[in-house]
Amino acid sequence: MDPVIILIVIAIIAVAAYSLIKHYSKTKPETASSEIVPPTPEQNLLELNLIIRKAAIGSVLTSRCEAIIDQLIAIFPRLENHVCASGEFSWTVNRIASEYLPNKCVLPYINLKDDAREGASEEFVNNLQTLEQELVDIEALLSKNDQKEFDNKSRFLKAKFNAEGKA
């Protein structure tokens, strides 16, 4: 075969390969940009609320858990817009909602067998009472504009709810 014809065939193949690569490289970034967005803390709390209702832990405990979830959901927007709320304070409140309440308070209790729940219900109620009081304190603090109080409360909450898992 003539070397010129071979070069023309190679050039045509190279152009076709380049076109295909260019075409497929454009479509991949579009699919990569449609990443899954992690759920917001509010969505996580709503999911926890459904788990609590399905667990049938009793109407009184369910109502108390739902009241705490409602308080946290009401606090989030106020926290974002507050002048004195530091990033650490916001992080700590989010941590209460995302880690302490579900993973160290509610879910361990729900995962117990019914007869074991009876023995653990007093501790569970105490943890709920502690959370309720802390949320009342946080709401009161949000009504003020004292940076020093926010910093102190942030350190206190971080130490209290990140310790051994009990309030």
C-alpha atoms as a PDB file:
ATOM      1  CA  MET A   1       0.000   0.000   0.000  1.00  0.00           C
ATOM      2  CA  ASP A   2       1.022   3.505  -0.660  1.00  0.00           C
ATOM      3  CA  PRO A   3       2.436   5.276   2.481  1.00  0.00           C
ATOM      4  CA  VAL A   4       0.303   8.382   1.762  1.00  0.00           C
ATOM      5  CA  ILE A   5      -2.913   6.320   1.919  1.00  0.00           C
ATOM      6  CA  ILE A   6      -1.766   4.757   5.201  1.00  0.00           C
ATOM      7  CA  LEU A   7      -1.099   8.225   6.663  1.00  0.00           C
ATOM      8  CA  ILE A   8      -4.541   9.437   5.526  1.00  0.00           C
ATOM      9  CA  VAL A   9      -6.242   6.402   7.138  1.00  0.00           C
ATOM     10  CA  ILE A  10      -4.286   6.972  10.391  1.00  0.00           C
ATOM     11  CA  ALA A  11      -5.240  10.674  10.334  1.00  0.00           C
ATOM     12  CA  ILE A  12      -8.936   9.817   9.841  1.00  0.00           C
ATOM     13  CA  ILE A  13      -8.812   7.320  12.728  1.00  0.00           C
ATOM     14  CA  ALA A  14      -7.036   9.884  14.932  1.00  0.00           C
ATOM     15  CA  VAL A  15      -9.641  12.565  14.149  1.00  0.00           C
ATOM     16  CA  ALA A  16     -12.479  10.117  14.861  1.00  0.00           C
ATOM     17  CA  ALA A  17     -10.872   9.043  18.159  1.00  0.00           C
ATOM     18  CA  TYR A  18     -10.310  12.687  19.150  1.00  0.00           C
ATOM     19  CA  SER A  19     -13.955  13.510  18.368  1.00  0.00           C
ATOM     20  CA  LEU A  20     -15.219  10.609  20.471  1.00  0.00           C
ATOM     21  CA  ILE A  21     -12.976  11.490  23.403  1.00  0.00           C
ATOM     22  CA  LYS A  22     -14.014  15.144  23.242  1.00  0.00           C
ATOM     23  CA  HIS A  23     -17.706  14.194  23.053  1.00  0.00           C
ATOM     24  CA  TYR A  24     -17.628  11.786  26.044  1.00  0.00           C
ATOM     25  CA  SER A  25     -15.460  14.062  28.169  1.00  0.00           C
ATOM     26  CA  LYS A  26     -18.125  16.787  27.897  1.00  0.00           C
ATOM     27  CA  THR A  27     -20.936  14.540  29.140  1.00  0.00           C
ATOM     28  CA  LYS A  28     -19.076  13.177  32.191  1.00  0.00           C
ATOM     29  CA  PRO A  29     -18.643  16.475  34.091  1.00  0.00           C
ATOM     30  CA  GLU A  30     -22.358  17.138  33.751  1.00  0.00           C
ATOM     31  CA  THR A  31     -23.198  13.857  35.470  1.00  0.00           C
ATOM     32  CA  ALA A  32     -20.515  14.449  38.109  1.00  0.00           C
ATOM     33  CA  SER A  33     -22.006  17.836  38.984  1.00  0.00           C
ATOM     34  CA  SER A  34     -25.289  16.184  39.995  1.00  0.00           C
ATOM     35  CA  GLU A  35     -23.828  14.945  43.290  1.00  0.00           C
ATOM     36  CA  ILE A  36     -26.062  13.935  46.130  1.00  0.00           C
ATOM     37  CA  VAL A  37     -26.535  16.779  48.582  1.00  0.00           C
ATOM     38  CA  PRO A  38     -26.318  15.672  52.213  1.00  0.00           C
ATOM     39  CA  PRO A  39     -29.474  16.201  54.249  1.00  0.00           C
ATOM     40  CA  THR A  40     -29.826  19.316  56.373  1.00  0.00           C
ATOM     41  CA  PRO A  41     -29.989  19.056  60.173  1.00  0.00           C
ATOM     42  CA  GLU A  42     -33.711  19.769  59.930  1.00  0.00           C
ATOM     43  CA  GLN A  43     -34.181  16.849  57.524  1.00  0.00           C
ATOM     44  CA  ASN A  44     -32.208  14.593  59.866  1.00  0.00           C
ATOM     45  CA  LEU A  45     -34.422  15.611  62.765  1.00  0.00           C
ATOM     46  CA  LEU A  46     -37.568  14.956  60.767  1.00  0.00           C
ATOM     47  CA  GLU A  47     -36.238  11.502  59.887  1.00  0.00           C
ATOM     48  CA  LEU A  48     -35.503  10.903  63.570  1.00  0.00           C
ATOM     49  CA  ASN A  49     -39.064  11.960  64.356  1.00  0.00           C
ATOM     50  CA  LEU A  50     -40.373   9.260  62.014  1.00  0.00           C
ATOM     51  CA  ILE A  51     -38.115   6.667  63.642  1.00  0.00           C
ATOM     52  CA  ILE A  52     -39.429   7.663  67.078  1.00  0.00           C
ATOM     53  CA  ARG A  53     -43.051   7.355  65.937  1.00  0.00           C
ATOM     54  CA  LYS A  54     -42.418   3.925  64.375  1.00  0.00           C
ATOM     55  CA  ALA A  55     -40.695   2.675  67.534  1.00  0.00           C
ATOM     56  CA  ALA A  56     -43.877   3.098  69.601  1.00  0.00           C
ATOM     57  CA  ILE A  57     -42.106   4.187  72.784  1.00  0.00           C
ATOM     58  CA  GLY A  58     -45.292   5.567  74.286  1.00  0.00           C
ATOM     59  CA  SER A  59     -47.186   8.763  73.706  1.00  0.00           C
ATOM     60  CA  VAL A  60     -45.573  10.695  76.571  1.00  0.00           C
ATOM     61  CA  LEU A  61     -41.994   9.952  75.502  1.00  0.00           C
ATOM     62  CA  THR A  62     -42.857  10.465  71.844  1.00  0.00           C
ATOM     63  CA  SER A  63     -44.351  13.882  72.651  1.00  0.00           C
ATOM     64  CA  ARG A  64     -41.281  14.906  74.650  1.00  0.00           C
ATOM     65  CA  CYS A  65     -38.926  13.831  71.848  1.00  0.00           C
ATOM     66  CA  GLU A  66     -41.045  15.658  69.286  1.00  0.00           C
ATOM     67  CA  ALA A  67     -41.038  18.803  71.437  1.00  0.00           C
ATOM     68  CA  ILE A  68     -37.220  18.713  71.563  1.00  0.00           C
ATOM     69  CA  ILE A  69     -37.056  18.213  67.792  1.00  0.00           C
ATOM     70  CA  ASP A  70     -39.468  21.125  67.281  1.00  0.00           C
ATOM     71  CA  GLN A  71     -37.356  23.334  69.563  1.00  0.00           C
ATOM     72  CA  LEU A  72     -34.178  22.498  67.648  1.00  0.00           C
ATOM     73  CA  ILE A  73     -35.845  23.156  64.290  1.00  0.00           C
ATOM     74  CA  ALA A  74     -37.040  26.531  65.596  1.00  0.00           C
ATOM     75  CA  ILE A  75     -33.564  27.400  66.923  1.00  0.00           C
ATOM     76  CA  PHE A  76     -31.644  26.771  63.674  1.00  0.00           C
ATOM     77  CA  PRO A  77     -32.853  29.852  61.730  1.00  0.00           C
ATOM     78  CA  ARG A  78     -32.441  32.088  64.777  1.00  0.00           C
ATOM     79  CA  LEU A  79     -28.940  30.750  65.271  1.00  0.00           C
ATOM     80  CA  GLU A  80     -27.932  31.451  61.664  1.00  0.00           C
ATOM     81  CA  ASN A  81     -29.148  35.047  61.824  1.00  0.00           C
ATOM     82  CA  HIS A  82     -27.911  35.920  65.313  1.00  0.00           C
ATOM     83  CA  VAL A  83     -25.113  38.468  65.595  1.00  0.00           C
ATOM     84  CA  CYS A  84     -23.336  36.950  68.598  1.00  0.00           C
ATOM     85  CA  ALA A  85     -23.715  33.264  67.785  1.00  0.00           C
ATOM     86  CA  SER A  86     -20.214  32.088  66.978  1.00  0.00           C
ATOM     87  CA  GLY A  87     -19.409  29.301  64.587  1.00  0.00           C
ATOM     88  CA  GLU A  88     -18.440  27.112  67.525  1.00  0.00           C
ATOM     89  CA  PHE A  89     -21.765  27.746  69.265  1.00  0.00           C
ATOM     90  CA  SER A  90     -23.685  26.925  66.064  1.00  0.00           C
ATOM     91  CA  TRP A  91     -21.535  23.848  65.539  1.00  0.00           C
ATOM     92  CA  THR A  92     -22.247  22.660  69.079  1.00  0.00           C
ATOM     93  CA  VAL A  93     -26.020  23.118  68.722  1.00  0.00           C
ATOM     94  CA  ASN A  94     -25.906  21.310  65.361  1.00  0.00           C
ATOM     95  CA  ARG A  95     -23.895  18.573  67.046  1.00  0.00           C
ATOM     96  CA  ILE A  96     -26.590  18.181  69.709  1.00  0.00           C
ATOM     97  CA  ALA A  97     -29.145  17.749  66.918  1.00  0.00           C
ATOM     98  CA  SER A  98     -27.056  15.508  64.665  1.00  0.00           C
ATOM     99  CA  GLU A  99     -25.076  13.406  67.119  1.00  0.00           C
ATOM    100  CA  TYR A 100     -26.181  13.582  70.729  1.00  0.00           C
ATOM    101  CA  LEU A 101     -29.969  13.496  70.398  1.00  0.00           C
ATOM    102  CA  PRO A 102     -30.184  10.682  67.837  1.00  0.00           C
ATOM    103  CA  ASN A 103     -27.073   8.588  68.448  1.00  0.00           C
ATOM    104  CA  LYS A 104     -26.491   8.927  72.177  1.00  0.00           C
ATOM    105  CA  CYS A 105     -29.961   9.552  73.534  1.00  0.00           C
ATOM    106  CA  VAL A 106     -32.880   8.356  71.398  1.00  0.00           C
ATOM    107  CA  LEU A 107     -31.614   5.505  69.211  1.00  0.00           C
ATOM    108  CA  PRO A 108     -29.869   3.545  72.000  1.00  0.00           C
ATOM    109  CA  TYR A 109     -33.143   3.610  73.932  1.00  0.00           C
ATOM    110  CA  ILE A 110     -35.242   2.685  70.900  1.00  0.00           C
ATOM    111  CA  ASN A 111     -32.909  -0.194  69.996  1.00  0.00           C
ATOM    112  CA  LEU A 112     -33.468  -1.840  73.384  1.00  0.00           C
ATOM    113  CA  LYS A 113     -35.915  -4.694  73.709  1.00  0.00           C
ATOM    114  CA  ASP A 114     -39.205  -3.772  75.380  1.00  0.00           C
ATOM    115  CA  ASP A 115     -38.307  -5.298  78.743  1.00  0.00           C
ATOM    116  CA  ALA A 116     -34.886  -3.590  78.756  1.00  0.00           C
ATOM    117  CA  ARG A 117     -36.540  -0.244  77.927  1.00  0.00           C
ATOM    118  CA  GLU A 118     -38.389  -0.317  81.253  1.00  0.00           C
ATOM    119  CA  GLY A 119     -35.092  -0.362  83.153  1.00  0.00           C
ATOM    120  CA  ALA A 120     -33.545   2.338  80.987  1.00  0.00           C
ATOM    121  CA  SER A 121     -36.558   4.634  80.834  1.00  0.00           C
ATOM    122  CA  GLU A 122     -35.545   6.670  83.902  1.00  0.00           C
ATOM    123  CA  GLU A 123     -32.138   7.513  82.406  1.00  0.00           C
ATOM    124  CA  PHE A 124     -33.791   8.294  79.061  1.00  0.00           C
ATOM    125  CA  VAL A 125     -36.256  10.667  80.734  1.00  0.00           C
ATOM    126  CA  ASN A 126     -33.386  12.352  82.619  1.00  0.00           C
ATOM    127  CA  ASN A 127     -31.502  12.864  79.353  1.00  0.00           C
ATOM    128  CA  LEU A 128     -34.619  14.344  77.754  1.00  0.00           C
ATOM    129  CA  GLN A 129     -35.093  16.689  80.738  1.00  0.00           C
ATOM    130  CA  THR A 130     -31.493  17.851  80.451  1.00  0.00           C
ATOM    131  CA  LEU A 131     -31.914  18.509  76.737  1.00  0.00           C
ATOM    132  CA  GLU A 132     -35.173  20.377  77.304  1.00  0.00           C
ATOM    133  CA  GLN A 133     -33.531  22.629  79.888  1.00  0.00           C
ATOM    134  CA  GLU A 134     -30.485  23.290  77.705  1.00  0.00           C
ATOM    135  CA  LEU A 135     -32.709  24.232  74.775  1.00  0.00           C
ATOM    136  CA  VAL A 136     -34.657  26.650  76.998  1.00  0.00           C
ATOM    137  CA  ASP A 137     -31.309  28.169  78.045  1.00  0.00           C
ATOM    138  CA  ILE A 138     -30.185  28.399  74.402  1.00  0.00           C
ATOM    139  CA  GLU A 139     -33.430  30.142  73.411  1.00  0.00           C
ATOM    140  CA  ALA A 140     -32.992  32.615  76.291  1.00  0.00           C
ATOM    141  CA  LEU A 141     -29.405  33.211  75.238  1.00  0.00           C
ATOM    142  CA  LEU A 142     -30.517  33.902  71.665  1.00  0.00           C
ATOM    143  CA  SER A 143     -32.746  36.657  73.030  1.00  0.00           C
ATOM    144  CA  LYS A 144     -29.658  38.415  74.386  1.00  0.00           C
ATOM    145  CA  ASN A 145     -26.697  39.911  72.548  1.00  0.00           C
ATOM    146  CA  ASP A 146     -23.891  39.086  74.970  1.00  0.00           C
ATOM    147  CA  GLN A 147     -20.882  37.600  73.167  1.00  0.00           C
ATOM    148  CA  LYS A 148     -19.209  36.502  76.401  1.00  0.00           C
ATOM    149  CA  GLU A 149     -22.280  34.491  77.430  1.00  0.00           C
ATOM    150  CA  PHE A 150     -22.349  32.833  74.001  1.00  0.00           C
ATOM    151  CA  ASP A 151     -18.698  31.850  74.294  1.00  0.00           C
ATOM    152  CA  ASN A 152     -19.181  30.486  77.827  1.00  0.00           C
ATOM    153  CA  LYS A 153     -22.309  28.556  76.848  1.00  0.00           C
ATOM    154  CA  SER A 154     -20.551  27.165  73.794  1.00  0.00           C
ATOM    155  CA  ARG A 155     -17.695  25.776  75.879  1.00  0.00           C
ATOM    156  CA  PHE A 156     -20.161  24.403  78.425  1.00  0.00           C
ATOM    157  CA  LEU A 157     -22.337  22.663  75.836  1.00  0.00           C
ATOM    158  CA  LYS A 158     -19.344  21.261  74.013  1.00  0.00           C
ATOM    159  CA  ALA A 159     -17.960  19.761  77.213  1.00  0.00           C
ATOM    160  CA  LYS A 160     -21.348  18.493  78.373  1.00  0.00           C
ATOM    161  CA  PHE A 161     -22.623  16.844  75.212  1.00  0.00           C
ATOM    162  CA  ASN A 162     -19.359  15.631  73.732  1.00  0.00           C
ATOM    163  CA  ALA A 163     -18.192  13.873  76.874  1.00  0.00           C
ATOM    164  CA  GLU A 164     -19.219  10.315  77.614  1.00  0.00           C
ATOM    165  CA  GLY A 165     -22.513  10.483  75.803  1.00  0.00           C
ATOM    166  CA  LYS A 166     -24.715  11.227  78.763  1.00  0.00           C
ATOM    167  CA  ALA A 167     -26.112  14.602  79.618  1.00  0.00           C
END
